[in-house]
Amino acid sequence: MQKRHEHSDPTLLNETCWIDVGQNQAPITCRISEIYTHWAWIKCPAFNQVPDYFSLLFTADGQVSRKCRLISRSNSMLVLKFLD
């Protein structure tokens, strides 16, 4: 797995989030474990269903979201980069 360091300190969370995979599918429920300015670590039981590009929803209604690119996936952990 990648080392967890960046210029900013992480915010450690254990908050629910959702991955919008599009294609008229229901969002995948996950948990944010660490969030940085440009990166995040997400715990996602359905990690094999996550596409390379997606929207991360911070609210269930999707009003707060960020476009993301998947950097790596391993044992239900996702590392993602924010694109916006």
C-alpha atoms as a PDB file:
ATOM      1  CA  MET A   1       0.000   0.000   0.000  1.00  0.00           C
ATOM      2  CA  GLN A   2       1.025   3.587  -0.439  1.00  0.00           C
ATOM      3  CA  LYS A   3       2.558   5.585   2.359  1.00  0.00           C
ATOM      4  CA  ARG A   4       0.109   7.961   3.954  1.00  0.00           C
ATOM      5  CA  HIS A   5       1.810  11.304   3.773  1.00  0.00           C
ATOM      6  CA  GLU A   6       1.150  14.579   2.085  1.00  0.00           C
ATOM      7  CA  HIS A   7       2.033  18.188   2.708  1.00  0.00           C
ATOM      8  CA  SER A   8      -1.060  18.641   4.881  1.00  0.00           C
ATOM      9  CA  ASP A   9      -1.993  16.641   7.944  1.00  0.00           C
ATOM     10  CA  PRO A  10      -4.875  14.244   7.421  1.00  0.00           C
ATOM     11  CA  THR A  11      -8.255  14.626   8.969  1.00  0.00           C
ATOM     12  CA  LEU A  12      -9.111  11.279  10.524  1.00  0.00           C
ATOM     13  CA  LEU A  13     -12.752  10.383  10.099  1.00  0.00           C
ATOM     14  CA  ASN A  14     -15.103   7.482  10.354  1.00  0.00           C
ATOM     15  CA  GLU A  15     -17.935   8.977   8.336  1.00  0.00           C
ATOM     16  CA  THR A  16     -20.311   7.440   5.844  1.00  0.00           C
ATOM     17  CA  CYS A  17     -19.887   8.425   2.205  1.00  0.00           C
ATOM     18  CA  TRP A  18     -21.188   7.052  -1.089  1.00  0.00           C
ATOM     19  CA  ILE A  19     -19.542   6.271  -4.388  1.00  0.00           C
ATOM     20  CA  ASP A  20     -21.685   7.142  -7.384  1.00  0.00           C
ATOM     21  CA  VAL A  21     -20.704   4.637 -10.067  1.00  0.00           C
ATOM     22  CA  GLY A  22     -23.267   6.033 -12.514  1.00  0.00           C
ATOM     23  CA  GLN A  23     -25.029   3.829 -15.070  1.00  0.00           C
ATOM     24  CA  ASN A  24     -28.299   4.087 -13.109  1.00  0.00           C
ATOM     25  CA  GLN A  25     -26.848   1.977 -10.272  1.00  0.00           C
ATOM     26  CA  ALA A  26     -27.408   2.691  -6.588  1.00  0.00           C
ATOM     27  CA  PRO A  27     -24.447   4.403  -4.903  1.00  0.00           C
ATOM     28  CA  ILE A  28     -22.021   2.182  -2.979  1.00  0.00           C
ATOM     29  CA  THR A  29     -21.934   2.918   0.756  1.00  0.00           C
ATOM     30  CA  CYS A  30     -18.428   3.347   2.184  1.00  0.00           C
ATOM     31  CA  ARG A  31     -16.580   5.010   5.092  1.00  0.00           C
ATOM     32  CA  ILE A  32     -14.006   7.792   4.882  1.00  0.00           C
ATOM     33  CA  SER A  33     -11.085   6.963   7.135  1.00  0.00           C
ATOM     34  CA  GLU A  34      -8.582   9.707   6.196  1.00  0.00           C
ATOM     35  CA  ILE A  35      -8.985  12.806   4.092  1.00  0.00           C
ATOM     36  CA  TYR A  36      -6.318  15.225   2.860  1.00  0.00           C
ATOM     37  CA  THR A  37      -6.547  18.279   0.642  1.00  0.00           C
ATOM     38  CA  HIS A  38      -6.132  16.246  -2.556  1.00  0.00           C
ATOM     39  CA  TRP A  39      -6.426  12.603  -1.417  1.00  0.00           C
ATOM     40  CA  ALA A  40      -8.623  10.326   0.658  1.00  0.00           C
ATOM     41  CA  TRP A  41      -8.572   6.790   2.053  1.00  0.00           C
ATOM     42  CA  ILE A  42     -11.941   5.071   1.882  1.00  0.00           C
ATOM     43  CA  LYS A  43     -13.025   1.752   3.370  1.00  0.00           C
ATOM     44  CA  CYS A  44     -15.309   0.092   0.849  1.00  0.00           C
ATOM     45  CA  PRO A  45     -16.552  -3.509   1.153  1.00  0.00           C
ATOM     46  CA  ALA A  46     -17.509  -3.478  -2.557  1.00  0.00           C
ATOM     47  CA  PHE A  47     -14.075  -2.197  -3.617  1.00  0.00           C
ATOM     48  CA  ASN A  48     -13.993  -4.381  -6.746  1.00  0.00           C
ATOM     49  CA  GLN A  49     -17.104  -2.631  -8.115  1.00  0.00           C
ATOM     50  CA  VAL A  50     -15.587   0.856  -8.014  1.00  0.00           C
ATOM     51  CA  PRO A  51     -14.627   2.255 -11.447  1.00  0.00           C
ATOM     52  CA  ASP A  52     -11.451   4.247 -12.115  1.00  0.00           C
ATOM     53  CA  TYR A  53     -13.368   7.558 -12.194  1.00  0.00           C
ATOM     54  CA  PHE A  54     -16.405   8.340 -10.047  1.00  0.00           C
ATOM     55  CA  SER A  55     -18.096  10.910  -7.819  1.00  0.00           C
ATOM     56  CA  LEU A  56     -17.656  10.659  -4.066  1.00  0.00           C
ATOM     57  CA  LEU A  57     -20.823  11.800  -2.315  1.00  0.00           C
ATOM     58  CA  PHE A  58     -20.423  13.311   1.137  1.00  0.00           C
ATOM     59  CA  THR A  59     -24.187  13.557   1.678  1.00  0.00           C
ATOM     60  CA  ALA A  60     -26.838  10.943   0.913  1.00  0.00           C
ATOM     61  CA  ASP A  61     -28.679  13.327  -1.415  1.00  0.00           C
ATOM     62  CA  GLY A  62     -25.499  13.979  -3.441  1.00  0.00           C
ATOM     63  CA  GLN A  63     -25.595  17.742  -2.843  1.00  0.00           C
ATOM     64  CA  VAL A  64     -21.965  17.670  -1.607  1.00  0.00           C
ATOM     65  CA  SER A  65     -19.637  15.660  -3.832  1.00  0.00           C
ATOM     66  CA  ARG A  66     -16.224  15.584  -5.507  1.00  0.00           C
ATOM     67  CA  LYS A  67     -15.027  14.017  -8.736  1.00  0.00           C
ATOM     68  CA  CYS A  68     -12.339  11.398  -8.062  1.00  0.00           C
ATOM     69  CA  ARG A  69      -9.833   9.088  -9.688  1.00  0.00           C
ATOM     70  CA  LEU A  70      -9.037   5.740  -8.112  1.00  0.00           C
ATOM     71  CA  ILE A  71      -5.320   5.424  -7.323  1.00  0.00           C
ATOM     72  CA  SER A  72      -5.268   1.981  -5.695  1.00  0.00           C
ATOM     73  CA  ARG A  73      -7.485  -0.649  -4.106  1.00  0.00           C
ATOM     74  CA  SER A  74      -6.531  -3.393  -1.687  1.00  0.00           C
ATOM     75  CA  ASN A  75      -8.429  -5.415   0.925  1.00  0.00           C
ATOM     76  CA  SER A  76     -11.470  -3.113   0.916  1.00  0.00           C
ATOM     77  CA  MET A  77      -9.342   0.071   1.130  1.00  0.00           C
ATOM     78  CA  LEU A  78      -9.404   2.613  -1.685  1.00  0.00           C
ATOM     79  CA  VAL A  79      -6.970   5.449  -2.224  1.00  0.00           C
ATOM     80  CA  LEU A  80      -8.426   8.206  -4.342  1.00  0.00           C
ATOM     81  CA  LYS A  81      -7.374  11.568  -5.705  1.00  0.00           C
ATOM     82  CA  PHE A  82      -9.763  14.500  -5.895  1.00  0.00           C
ATOM     83  CA  LEU A  83      -9.993  15.946  -9.400  1.00  0.00           C
ATOM     84  CA  ASP A  84     -11.853  19.150  -8.586  1.00  0.00           C
END
